[in-house]
Amino acid sequence: MLLLPFINRFTLRSLQLLVLGVFCPGSGEKYLMAKLKLDLHEVCKNGKLIEKKLNRIIDEATEKRIALVEIIPGKGSGQLKKAVLRFLDRPDIKKRYHRINKDSKNFGRVFVHFKH
């Protein structure tokens, strides 16, 4: 690792954390700016597996403090997207995320935003 003479220990630690995520100086908090992606094309006929995968990705985003989840139900007839939106509208799930956006340019994507 290249060390420049003007970088002190605090600055170096901040730079290391910035590489891993976003570091808020002073608070000691680090937030991941990563995005999780779930493609439901392959499981579109299996309702229980869809719900299991949706639960798993919501749990992972909450656990790892990830700010955005992209769910891809695909365009198709819209039945899978409706199932995803019904899942996200459940009261036990709704309290775990901040908001959802439906992609206006690509109707086969749903974005779930988290506020940790």
C-alpha atoms as a PDB file:
ATOM      1  CA  MET A   1       0.000   0.000   0.000  1.00  0.00           C
ATOM      2  CA  LEU A   2       1.357   3.403  -0.985  1.00  0.00           C
ATOM      3  CA  LEU A   3       1.550   5.795   1.970  1.00  0.00           C
ATOM      4  CA  LEU A   4       1.783   9.466   1.230  1.00  0.00           C
ATOM      5  CA  PRO A   5       3.648  11.618   3.784  1.00  0.00           C
ATOM      6  CA  PHE A   6       0.708  13.979   4.380  1.00  0.00           C
ATOM      7  CA  ILE A   7      -1.786  11.259   5.330  1.00  0.00           C
ATOM      8  CA  ASN A   8      -2.136  10.888   9.072  1.00  0.00           C
ATOM      9  CA  ARG A   9      -3.608   7.869  10.836  1.00  0.00           C
ATOM     10  CA  PHE A  10      -7.186   9.255  10.980  1.00  0.00           C
ATOM     11  CA  THR A  11      -7.173  10.167   7.292  1.00  0.00           C
ATOM     12  CA  LEU A  12      -5.782   6.765   6.354  1.00  0.00           C
ATOM     13  CA  ARG A  13      -8.469   4.989   8.410  1.00  0.00           C
ATOM     14  CA  SER A  14     -11.157   7.143   6.769  1.00  0.00           C
ATOM     15  CA  LEU A  15      -9.821   6.308   3.310  1.00  0.00           C
ATOM     16  CA  GLN A  16      -9.830   2.589   4.114  1.00  0.00           C
ATOM     17  CA  LEU A  17     -13.448   2.797   5.248  1.00  0.00           C
ATOM     18  CA  LEU A  18     -14.399   4.818   2.185  1.00  0.00           C
ATOM     19  CA  VAL A  19     -13.110   2.005   0.009  1.00  0.00           C
ATOM     20  CA  LEU A  20     -15.340  -0.455   1.884  1.00  0.00           C
ATOM     21  CA  GLY A  21     -18.382   1.771   2.085  1.00  0.00           C
ATOM     22  CA  VAL A  22     -19.271   5.306   3.103  1.00  0.00           C
ATOM     23  CA  PHE A  23     -17.693   6.544   6.315  1.00  0.00           C
ATOM     24  CA  CYS A  24     -19.271   9.389   8.232  1.00  0.00           C
ATOM     25  CA  PRO A  25     -16.407  11.111  10.068  1.00  0.00           C
ATOM     26  CA  GLY A  26     -17.198  11.852  13.676  1.00  0.00           C
ATOM     27  CA  SER A  27     -19.987   9.312  13.970  1.00  0.00           C
ATOM     28  CA  GLY A  28     -17.888   6.210  13.435  1.00  0.00           C
ATOM     29  CA  GLU A  29     -20.723   4.771  11.320  1.00  0.00           C
ATOM     30  CA  LYS A  30     -20.151   2.987   8.049  1.00  0.00           C
ATOM     31  CA  TYR A  31     -22.956   2.383   5.573  1.00  0.00           C
ATOM     32  CA  LEU A  32     -22.750   0.038   2.622  1.00  0.00           C
ATOM     33  CA  MET A  33     -23.755   1.639  -0.644  1.00  0.00           C
ATOM     34  CA  ALA A  34     -24.102  -1.732  -2.293  1.00  0.00           C
ATOM     35  CA  LYS A  35     -27.214  -2.907  -4.079  1.00  0.00           C
ATOM     36  CA  LEU A  36     -28.741  -6.358  -3.858  1.00  0.00           C
ATOM     37  CA  LYS A  37     -30.416  -7.813  -6.911  1.00  0.00           C
ATOM     38  CA  LEU A  38     -33.051 -10.557  -7.087  1.00  0.00           C
ATOM     39  CA  ASP A  39     -34.062 -11.950 -10.470  1.00  0.00           C
ATOM     40  CA  LEU A  40     -37.321 -13.907 -10.205  1.00  0.00           C
ATOM     41  CA  HIS A  41     -37.441 -15.139 -13.822  1.00  0.00           C
ATOM     42  CA  GLU A  42     -36.283 -18.650 -12.953  1.00  0.00           C
ATOM     43  CA  VAL A  43     -38.792 -19.215 -10.122  1.00  0.00           C
ATOM     44  CA  CYS A  44     -41.840 -17.544 -11.634  1.00  0.00           C
ATOM     45  CA  LYS A  45     -44.079 -20.639 -11.317  1.00  0.00           C
ATOM     46  CA  ASN A  46     -43.273 -21.505  -7.690  1.00  0.00           C
ATOM     47  CA  GLY A  47     -45.135 -19.165  -5.300  1.00  0.00           C
ATOM     48  CA  LYS A  48     -43.584 -20.496  -2.083  1.00  0.00           C
ATOM     49  CA  LEU A  49     -40.067 -20.226  -3.477  1.00  0.00           C
ATOM     50  CA  ILE A  50     -40.754 -16.652  -4.615  1.00  0.00           C
ATOM     51  CA  GLU A  51     -41.869 -15.663  -1.117  1.00  0.00           C
ATOM     52  CA  LYS A  52     -38.862 -17.435   0.416  1.00  0.00           C
ATOM     53  CA  LYS A  53     -36.440 -15.582  -1.890  1.00  0.00           C
ATOM     54  CA  LEU A  54     -38.159 -12.243  -1.217  1.00  0.00           C
ATOM     55  CA  ASN A  55     -37.979 -12.817   2.548  1.00  0.00           C
ATOM     56  CA  ARG A  56     -34.330 -13.789   2.286  1.00  0.00           C
ATOM     57  CA  ILE A  57     -33.310 -10.692   0.327  1.00  0.00           C
ATOM     58  CA  ILE A  58     -35.223  -8.341   2.666  1.00  0.00           C
ATOM     59  CA  ASP A  59     -33.524 -10.034   5.651  1.00  0.00           C
ATOM     60  CA  GLU A  60     -30.103  -9.726   4.020  1.00  0.00           C
ATOM     61  CA  ALA A  61     -30.572  -6.039   3.192  1.00  0.00           C
ATOM     62  CA  THR A  62     -31.681  -5.305   6.749  1.00  0.00           C
ATOM     63  CA  GLU A  63     -28.916  -7.372   8.319  1.00  0.00           C
ATOM     64  CA  LYS A  64     -26.118  -5.922   6.157  1.00  0.00           C
ATOM     65  CA  ARG A  65     -27.556  -2.374   6.177  1.00  0.00           C
ATOM     66  CA  ILE A  66     -27.783  -2.243   2.400  1.00  0.00           C
ATOM     67  CA  ALA A  67     -29.664   0.769   1.095  1.00  0.00           C
ATOM     68  CA  LEU A  68     -31.186  -0.596  -2.124  1.00  0.00           C
ATOM     69  CA  VAL A  69     -32.642  -3.864  -3.385  1.00  0.00           C
ATOM     70  CA  GLU A  70     -33.534  -4.335  -7.041  1.00  0.00           C
ATOM     71  CA  ILE A  71     -36.202  -6.976  -7.654  1.00  0.00           C
ATOM     72  CA  ILE A  72     -36.696  -8.139 -11.239  1.00  0.00           C
ATOM     73  CA  PRO A  73     -40.031  -9.885 -11.739  1.00  0.00           C
ATOM     74  CA  GLY A  74     -39.778  -9.343 -15.507  1.00  0.00           C
ATOM     75  CA  LYS A  75     -42.273  -7.777 -17.873  1.00  0.00           C
ATOM     76  CA  GLY A  76     -44.500 -10.693 -18.891  1.00  0.00           C
ATOM     77  CA  SER A  77     -48.188 -10.522 -18.015  1.00  0.00           C
ATOM     78  CA  GLY A  78     -47.546  -8.618 -14.795  1.00  0.00           C
ATOM     79  CA  GLN A  79     -48.760 -11.362 -12.432  1.00  0.00           C
ATOM     80  CA  LEU A  80     -45.334 -11.870 -10.864  1.00  0.00           C
ATOM     81  CA  LYS A  81     -44.885  -8.121 -10.347  1.00  0.00           C
ATOM     82  CA  LYS A  82     -48.303  -7.964  -8.674  1.00  0.00           C
ATOM     83  CA  ALA A  83     -47.278 -10.812  -6.367  1.00  0.00           C
ATOM     84  CA  VAL A  84     -44.057  -8.951  -5.482  1.00  0.00           C
ATOM     85  CA  LEU A  85     -45.970  -5.733  -4.756  1.00  0.00           C
ATOM     86  CA  ARG A  86     -48.509  -7.647  -2.618  1.00  0.00           C
ATOM     87  CA  PHE A  87     -45.616  -9.170  -0.670  1.00  0.00           C
ATOM     88  CA  LEU A  88     -44.024  -5.737  -0.142  1.00  0.00           C
ATOM     89  CA  ASP A  89     -47.390  -4.339   0.978  1.00  0.00           C
ATOM     90  CA  ARG A  90     -47.725  -6.821   3.857  1.00  0.00           C
ATOM     91  CA  PRO A  91     -47.610  -4.953   7.214  1.00  0.00           C
ATOM     92  CA  ASP A  92     -44.773  -7.105   8.612  1.00  0.00           C
ATOM     93  CA  ILE A  93     -42.637  -6.418   5.526  1.00  0.00           C
ATOM     94  CA  LYS A  94     -43.683  -2.798   4.996  1.00  0.00           C
ATOM     95  CA  LYS A  95     -42.242  -1.706   8.346  1.00  0.00           C
ATOM     96  CA  ARG A  96     -38.788  -2.987   7.329  1.00  0.00           C
ATOM     97  CA  TYR A  97     -38.178  -0.722   4.321  1.00  0.00           C
ATOM     98  CA  HIS A  98     -38.456   2.991   3.638  1.00  0.00           C
ATOM     99  CA  ARG A  99     -40.116   3.150   0.202  1.00  0.00           C
ATOM    100  CA  ILE A 100     -40.464   1.383  -3.135  1.00  0.00           C
ATOM    101  CA  ASN A 101     -40.081   2.710  -6.673  1.00  0.00           C
ATOM    102  CA  LYS A 102     -41.320   1.124  -9.849  1.00  0.00           C
ATOM    103  CA  ASP A 103     -38.908   1.802 -12.688  1.00  0.00           C
ATOM    104  CA  SER A 104     -40.684   4.099 -15.159  1.00  0.00           C
ATOM    105  CA  LYS A 105     -38.391   3.107 -18.043  1.00  0.00           C
ATOM    106  CA  ASN A 106     -38.365  -0.634 -17.388  1.00  0.00           C
ATOM    107  CA  PHE A 107     -41.665  -2.020 -16.094  1.00  0.00           C
ATOM    108  CA  GLY A 108     -39.971  -5.281 -15.108  1.00  0.00           C
ATOM    109  CA  ARG A 109     -38.051  -3.798 -12.142  1.00  0.00           C
ATOM    110  CA  VAL A 110     -38.973  -2.742  -8.626  1.00  0.00           C
ATOM    111  CA  PHE A 111     -36.576  -0.876  -6.323  1.00  0.00           C
ATOM    112  CA  VAL A 112     -36.879  -1.210  -2.546  1.00  0.00           C
ATOM    113  CA  HIS A 113     -35.129   1.542  -0.572  1.00  0.00           C
ATOM    114  CA  PHE A 114     -34.057   1.023   3.028  1.00  0.00           C
ATOM    115  CA  LYS A 115     -33.392   3.646   5.672  1.00  0.00           C
ATOM    116  CA  HIS A 116     -31.212   2.200   8.429  1.00  0.00           C
END
